Protein backbone atom coordinates (compact mmCIF):
# COMPACT_ATOMS: atom_id res chain seq x y z
CA UNK A 1 -33.34 -49.58 -91.48
CA UNK A 2 -33.97 -49.85 -87.76
CA UNK A 3 -36.07 -52.81 -86.70
CA UNK A 4 -37.49 -50.99 -83.71
CA UNK A 5 -39.38 -47.80 -82.96
CA UNK A 6 -39.02 -44.87 -80.62
CA UNK A 7 -41.82 -46.47 -78.59
CA UNK A 8 -39.71 -49.60 -78.17
CA UNK A 9 -36.81 -47.48 -76.88
CA UNK A 10 -39.08 -45.60 -74.46
CA UNK A 11 -40.60 -48.80 -73.09
CA UNK A 12 -37.24 -50.49 -72.58
CA UNK A 13 -35.72 -47.45 -70.88
CA UNK A 14 -38.69 -47.26 -68.50
CA UNK A 15 -38.53 -50.98 -67.74
CA UNK A 16 -34.77 -51.34 -67.38
CA UNK A 17 -33.36 -47.91 -66.56
CA UNK A 18 -30.65 -48.54 -69.16
CA UNK A 19 -29.07 -45.77 -71.16
CA UNK A 20 -30.47 -44.92 -74.59
CA UNK A 21 -27.35 -46.10 -76.48
CA UNK A 22 -27.38 -49.49 -74.74
CA UNK A 23 -31.13 -49.87 -75.31
CA UNK A 24 -30.71 -49.22 -79.03
CA UNK A 25 -27.88 -51.75 -79.26
CA UNK A 26 -29.89 -54.37 -77.42
CA UNK A 27 -32.87 -53.86 -79.70
CA UNK A 28 -30.68 -54.11 -82.77
CA UNK A 29 -29.08 -57.32 -81.50
CA UNK A 30 -32.50 -58.71 -80.59
CA UNK A 31 -33.91 -57.79 -83.99
CA UNK A 32 -36.54 -55.57 -82.33
CA UNK A 33 -37.71 -58.23 -79.84
CA UNK A 34 -38.38 -56.32 -76.56
CA UNK A 35 -38.22 -59.37 -74.32
CA UNK A 36 -34.98 -60.54 -75.85
CA UNK A 37 -33.51 -57.03 -75.64
CA UNK A 38 -34.35 -56.86 -71.93
CA UNK A 39 -32.67 -60.21 -71.45
CA UNK A 40 -29.58 -58.99 -73.26
CA UNK A 41 -29.42 -55.88 -71.07
CA UNK A 42 -29.69 -58.01 -67.97
CA UNK A 43 -27.00 -60.41 -69.16
CA UNK A 44 -24.64 -57.51 -69.84
CA UNK A 45 -25.54 -55.84 -66.55
CA UNK A 46 -26.63 -52.69 -68.33
CA UNK A 47 -30.01 -52.23 -66.69
CA UNK A 48 -30.23 -49.38 -64.21
CA UNK A 49 -27.42 -47.27 -65.70
CA UNK A 50 -29.70 -44.29 -66.38
CA UNK A 51 -31.16 -44.48 -62.90
CA UNK A 52 -27.72 -43.73 -61.45
CA UNK A 53 -27.43 -40.44 -63.32
CA UNK A 54 -28.78 -38.37 -60.43
CA UNK A 55 -26.34 -39.77 -57.92
CA UNK A 56 -23.13 -38.05 -56.87
CA UNK A 57 -19.77 -39.31 -58.16
CA UNK A 58 -17.30 -37.48 -55.91
CA UNK A 59 -14.78 -40.25 -55.33
CA UNK A 60 -12.42 -41.77 -57.84
CA UNK A 61 -8.81 -41.45 -58.95
CA UNK A 62 -6.35 -39.57 -61.13
CA UNK A 63 -3.99 -41.07 -63.70
CA UNK A 64 -1.23 -39.41 -65.71
CA UNK A 65 1.34 -40.03 -68.41
CA UNK A 66 4.38 -38.23 -69.74
CA UNK A 67 6.33 -39.12 -72.86
CA UNK A 68 8.27 -37.81 -75.90
CA UNK A 69 6.54 -35.33 -78.18
CA UNK A 70 7.74 -32.82 -80.81
CA UNK A 71 11.34 -32.73 -79.65
CA UNK A 72 10.35 -32.43 -76.00
CA UNK A 73 7.76 -34.07 -73.79
CA UNK A 74 4.01 -33.96 -73.36
CA UNK A 75 1.93 -34.86 -70.31
CA UNK A 76 -1.68 -35.86 -69.85
CA UNK A 77 -3.69 -35.86 -66.62
CA UNK A 78 -7.13 -37.48 -66.29
CA UNK A 79 -9.67 -37.57 -63.45
CA UNK A 80 -12.19 -40.41 -63.42
CA UNK A 81 -14.94 -40.32 -60.81
CA UNK A 82 -17.11 -42.94 -59.05
CA UNK A 83 -19.41 -42.89 -56.03
CA UNK A 84 -17.37 -44.76 -53.39
CA UNK A 85 -13.81 -45.56 -52.44
CA UNK A 86 -14.77 -49.22 -52.62
CA UNK A 87 -15.15 -48.91 -56.40
CA UNK A 88 -12.21 -46.47 -56.66
CA UNK A 89 -9.84 -49.25 -55.58
CA UNK A 90 -11.58 -51.93 -57.68
CA UNK A 91 -9.29 -53.50 -60.29
CA UNK A 92 -11.91 -53.06 -63.04
CA UNK A 93 -12.18 -49.33 -62.28
CA UNK A 94 -8.42 -48.90 -62.26
CA UNK A 95 -8.17 -50.79 -65.56
CA UNK A 96 -10.84 -48.52 -67.03
CA UNK A 97 -8.80 -45.46 -65.96
CA UNK A 98 -5.76 -46.89 -67.71
CA UNK A 99 -7.81 -47.44 -70.88
CA UNK A 100 -9.13 -43.87 -70.74
CA UNK A 101 -5.65 -42.49 -70.20
CA UNK A 102 -4.26 -44.49 -73.14
CA UNK A 103 -7.02 -43.08 -75.35
CA UNK A 104 -6.25 -39.56 -74.17
CA UNK A 105 -2.54 -39.96 -74.94
CA UNK A 106 -3.15 -41.49 -78.38
CA UNK A 107 -5.91 -39.12 -79.49
CA UNK A 108 -4.66 -35.77 -78.21
CA UNK A 109 -8.19 -35.02 -76.95
CA UNK A 110 -8.12 -31.69 -75.18
CA UNK A 111 -11.17 -32.02 -72.93
CA UNK A 112 -13.46 -34.63 -71.40
CA UNK A 113 -16.16 -34.27 -74.05
CA UNK A 114 -13.68 -34.86 -76.88
CA UNK A 115 -12.10 -37.79 -75.04
CA UNK A 116 -15.46 -39.43 -74.41
CA UNK A 117 -16.06 -39.55 -78.18
CA UNK A 118 -12.69 -41.16 -79.01
CA UNK A 119 -13.05 -44.49 -80.76
CA UNK A 120 -11.77 -47.65 -79.07
CA UNK A 121 -11.66 -51.32 -80.11
CA UNK A 122 -15.14 -51.75 -78.64
CA UNK A 123 -16.94 -48.51 -79.37
CA UNK A 124 -15.98 -45.21 -77.74
CA UNK A 125 -14.49 -44.15 -74.44
CA UNK A 126 -17.98 -43.18 -73.37
CA UNK A 127 -19.18 -46.70 -74.12
CA UNK A 128 -16.36 -48.16 -72.03
CA UNK A 129 -17.34 -45.93 -69.09
CA UNK A 130 -21.01 -46.95 -69.39
CA UNK A 131 -20.13 -50.66 -69.57
CA UNK A 132 -17.93 -50.37 -66.47
CA UNK A 133 -20.67 -48.43 -64.69
CA UNK A 134 -23.09 -51.29 -65.36
CA UNK A 135 -20.63 -53.89 -64.07
CA UNK A 136 -19.64 -51.90 -60.98
CA UNK A 137 -23.19 -50.69 -60.27
CA UNK A 138 -22.11 -47.09 -59.64
CA UNK A 139 -22.30 -43.83 -61.52
CA UNK A 140 -18.96 -43.23 -63.26
CA UNK A 141 -17.91 -39.89 -64.74
CA UNK A 142 -14.99 -38.92 -66.95
CA UNK A 143 -14.61 -35.54 -65.33
CA UNK A 144 -11.67 -33.72 -66.83
CA UNK A 145 -8.49 -33.89 -68.88
CA UNK A 146 -5.43 -31.65 -68.94
CA UNK A 147 -2.37 -31.53 -71.23
CA UNK A 148 0.98 -29.75 -70.91
CA UNK A 149 4.13 -29.75 -73.05
CA UNK A 150 7.75 -28.58 -72.68
CA UNK A 151 11.32 -29.74 -72.76
CA UNK A 152 10.57 -31.84 -69.68
CA UNK A 153 7.29 -33.00 -68.10
CA UNK A 154 7.14 -34.25 -64.54
CA UNK A 155 4.28 -36.40 -63.20
CA UNK A 156 3.43 -36.62 -59.52
CA UNK A 157 0.58 -38.72 -58.18
CA UNK A 158 -0.27 -38.67 -54.50
CA UNK A 159 -2.28 -41.20 -52.46
CA UNK A 160 -4.27 -39.61 -49.62
CA UNK A 161 -4.91 -42.94 -47.88
CA UNK A 162 -3.25 -46.38 -47.86
CA UNK A 163 -4.93 -48.95 -50.09
CA UNK A 164 -6.56 -46.36 -52.31
CA UNK A 165 -5.44 -45.14 -55.75
CA UNK A 166 -3.97 -41.62 -56.18
CA UNK A 167 -6.48 -38.81 -55.61
CA UNK A 168 -4.10 -35.91 -56.27
CA UNK A 169 -2.33 -35.56 -59.60
CA UNK A 170 0.08 -32.99 -61.00
CA UNK A 171 1.81 -32.56 -64.37
CA UNK A 172 4.45 -29.86 -64.73
CA UNK A 173 6.19 -28.79 -67.91
CA UNK A 174 9.59 -27.04 -67.60
CA UNK A 175 12.40 -25.98 -69.87
CA UNK A 176 15.50 -28.17 -69.94
CA UNK A 177 17.20 -26.46 -66.99
CA UNK A 178 14.09 -26.76 -64.87
CA UNK A 179 14.09 -30.54 -65.13
CA UNK A 180 16.40 -30.82 -62.10
CA UNK A 181 13.83 -29.27 -59.77
CA UNK A 182 10.64 -30.35 -61.58
CA UNK A 183 9.88 -33.14 -59.12
CA UNK A 184 10.12 -30.84 -56.13
CA UNK A 185 7.93 -28.28 -57.90
CA UNK A 186 5.33 -30.95 -58.70
CA UNK A 187 5.20 -32.06 -55.09
CA UNK A 188 4.86 -28.43 -54.02
CA UNK A 189 1.92 -27.93 -56.38
CA UNK A 190 0.21 -31.04 -54.93
CA UNK A 191 0.57 -29.56 -51.43
CA UNK A 192 -0.17 -25.84 -52.13
CA UNK A 193 -2.51 -26.05 -55.20
CA UNK A 194 -1.55 -22.76 -56.95
CA UNK A 195 -3.96 -21.58 -59.61
CA UNK A 196 -1.48 -19.86 -61.94
CA UNK A 197 2.24 -20.16 -62.70
CA UNK A 198 2.99 -16.41 -62.86
CA UNK A 199 1.21 -13.15 -62.06
CA UNK A 200 0.87 -12.47 -65.77
CA UNK A 201 -1.44 -15.51 -66.10
CA UNK A 202 -3.96 -14.18 -63.58
CA UNK A 203 -7.00 -12.93 -65.55
CA UNK A 204 -7.52 -9.12 -65.55
CA UNK A 205 -11.03 -9.48 -64.12
CA UNK A 206 -9.70 -11.51 -61.17
CA UNK A 207 -7.09 -8.85 -60.43
CA UNK A 208 -9.72 -6.12 -60.70
CA UNK A 209 -11.96 -7.94 -58.26
CA UNK A 210 -9.15 -8.40 -55.75
CA UNK A 211 -8.25 -4.71 -55.97
CA UNK A 212 -11.85 -3.64 -55.46
CA UNK A 213 -12.37 -5.97 -52.53
CA UNK A 214 -9.10 -4.90 -50.92
CA UNK A 215 -9.96 -1.21 -51.20
CA UNK A 216 -13.55 -1.59 -49.98
CA UNK A 217 -12.38 -3.70 -47.06
CA UNK A 218 -9.78 -1.15 -46.09
CA UNK A 219 -12.34 1.65 -46.24
CA UNK A 220 -14.74 -0.44 -44.11
CA UNK A 221 -11.96 -0.79 -41.55
CA UNK A 222 -11.62 2.99 -41.42
CA UNK A 223 -8.16 3.21 -42.98
CA UNK A 224 -7.08 6.76 -44.02
CA UNK A 225 -7.34 7.54 -47.73
CA UNK A 226 -3.65 8.45 -47.96
CA UNK A 227 -2.51 4.94 -47.07
CA UNK A 228 -5.17 3.06 -49.06
CA UNK A 229 -2.92 2.45 -52.14
CA UNK A 230 -0.21 0.85 -50.00
CA UNK A 231 -2.75 -1.33 -48.17
CA UNK A 232 -4.38 -2.40 -51.42
CA UNK A 233 -1.01 -3.25 -52.95
CA UNK A 234 -0.05 -5.29 -49.92
CA UNK A 235 -3.28 -7.28 -50.00
CA UNK A 236 -2.94 -7.92 -53.74
CA UNK A 237 0.60 -9.20 -53.16
CA UNK A 238 -0.76 -11.49 -50.43
CA UNK A 239 -3.29 -12.82 -52.93
CA UNK A 240 -0.48 -13.54 -55.40
CA UNK A 241 1.56 -15.23 -52.71
CA UNK A 242 -1.31 -17.56 -51.96
CA UNK A 243 -2.36 -18.38 -55.51
CA UNK A 244 0.57 -17.90 -57.90
CA UNK A 245 3.17 -20.71 -58.08
CA UNK A 246 6.34 -18.64 -58.32
CA UNK A 247 5.23 -16.30 -55.54
CA UNK A 248 4.46 -19.10 -53.07
CA UNK A 249 6.80 -20.15 -50.26
CA UNK A 250 8.45 -23.41 -51.31
CA UNK A 251 6.74 -26.22 -49.38
CA UNK A 252 9.99 -28.05 -48.55
CA UNK A 253 11.81 -24.86 -47.54
CA UNK A 254 9.57 -21.90 -46.64
CA UNK A 255 12.66 -19.66 -46.29
CA UNK A 256 12.61 -19.24 -50.07
CA UNK A 257 9.98 -18.89 -52.79
CA UNK A 258 9.41 -21.20 -55.71
CA UNK A 259 10.80 -18.43 -57.88
CA UNK A 260 14.05 -18.62 -55.93
CA UNK A 261 14.14 -22.41 -56.24
CA UNK A 262 13.75 -22.07 -60.02
CA UNK A 263 16.35 -19.30 -60.18
CA UNK A 264 18.89 -21.57 -58.46
CA UNK A 265 18.52 -24.09 -61.28
CA UNK A 266 18.20 -21.46 -64.00
CA UNK A 267 14.95 -23.14 -65.03
CA UNK A 268 11.42 -22.08 -65.82
CA UNK A 269 8.00 -23.64 -65.38
CA UNK A 270 6.23 -23.54 -68.74
CA UNK A 271 2.86 -24.96 -67.73
CA UNK A 272 1.14 -26.98 -65.02
CA UNK A 273 -2.08 -28.79 -64.26
CA UNK A 274 -3.27 -30.32 -61.00
CA UNK A 275 -6.41 -32.21 -59.97
CA UNK A 276 -7.69 -33.22 -56.61
CA UNK A 277 -10.49 -35.79 -56.86
CA UNK A 278 -13.89 -34.28 -56.17
CA UNK A 279 -12.60 -30.73 -55.79
């Protein structure tokens, strides 16, 4: 039976700004003694965590892993956010990211919420993030997690500035033949940020919107009705060329498309995921 009340929790949260989970733990450890619980929160650096909730965490890093799985390979990509680049390059923050990534790989968690609840040696991933937030005195957010699988998985992490951890991360799954060009494809994705691998992956409602906008824009420009279909088709193709991986011009050689690059190897991209910190 708990040796503290809801009033105790409320008072300690108001006095310390600590999160509710940490307040409960402090009260349990202090056997319900408010003064002792406050002291414990101060010793552990957990006061003020809740007060950081309204602040923006738009900096941070990405981490990724690829390894054997089910006769092929699986890849995991994680984005962990903080408030400043000062913390982003802090060894404790980087160590936290490695811990979170390891938990993601081991658990198979498919999203940030599921990963936050994964058990660790000292609680959950969420607890680890809260503890690090208290130590680093910044709001920290486990923002998102992605997974891909295929015969081969390529990882590409890109640093946008010297001295800072990677802020752009890509994982690409290919078939066996695509492995030879997977690194180039991953680098291309980091540069061009396609949203889908093929046209077939583009949601029907997105296509419908693009068609409607293209037609209405053409009419507003006074284009004759008889050439509207051709104009709309051209603008939809331009949309695909900008947002679909295989339709894009290959970043390292714009004279050919990514589809042509893959055709030269005989390979196929099975899945991809890419994160850019804060975007």
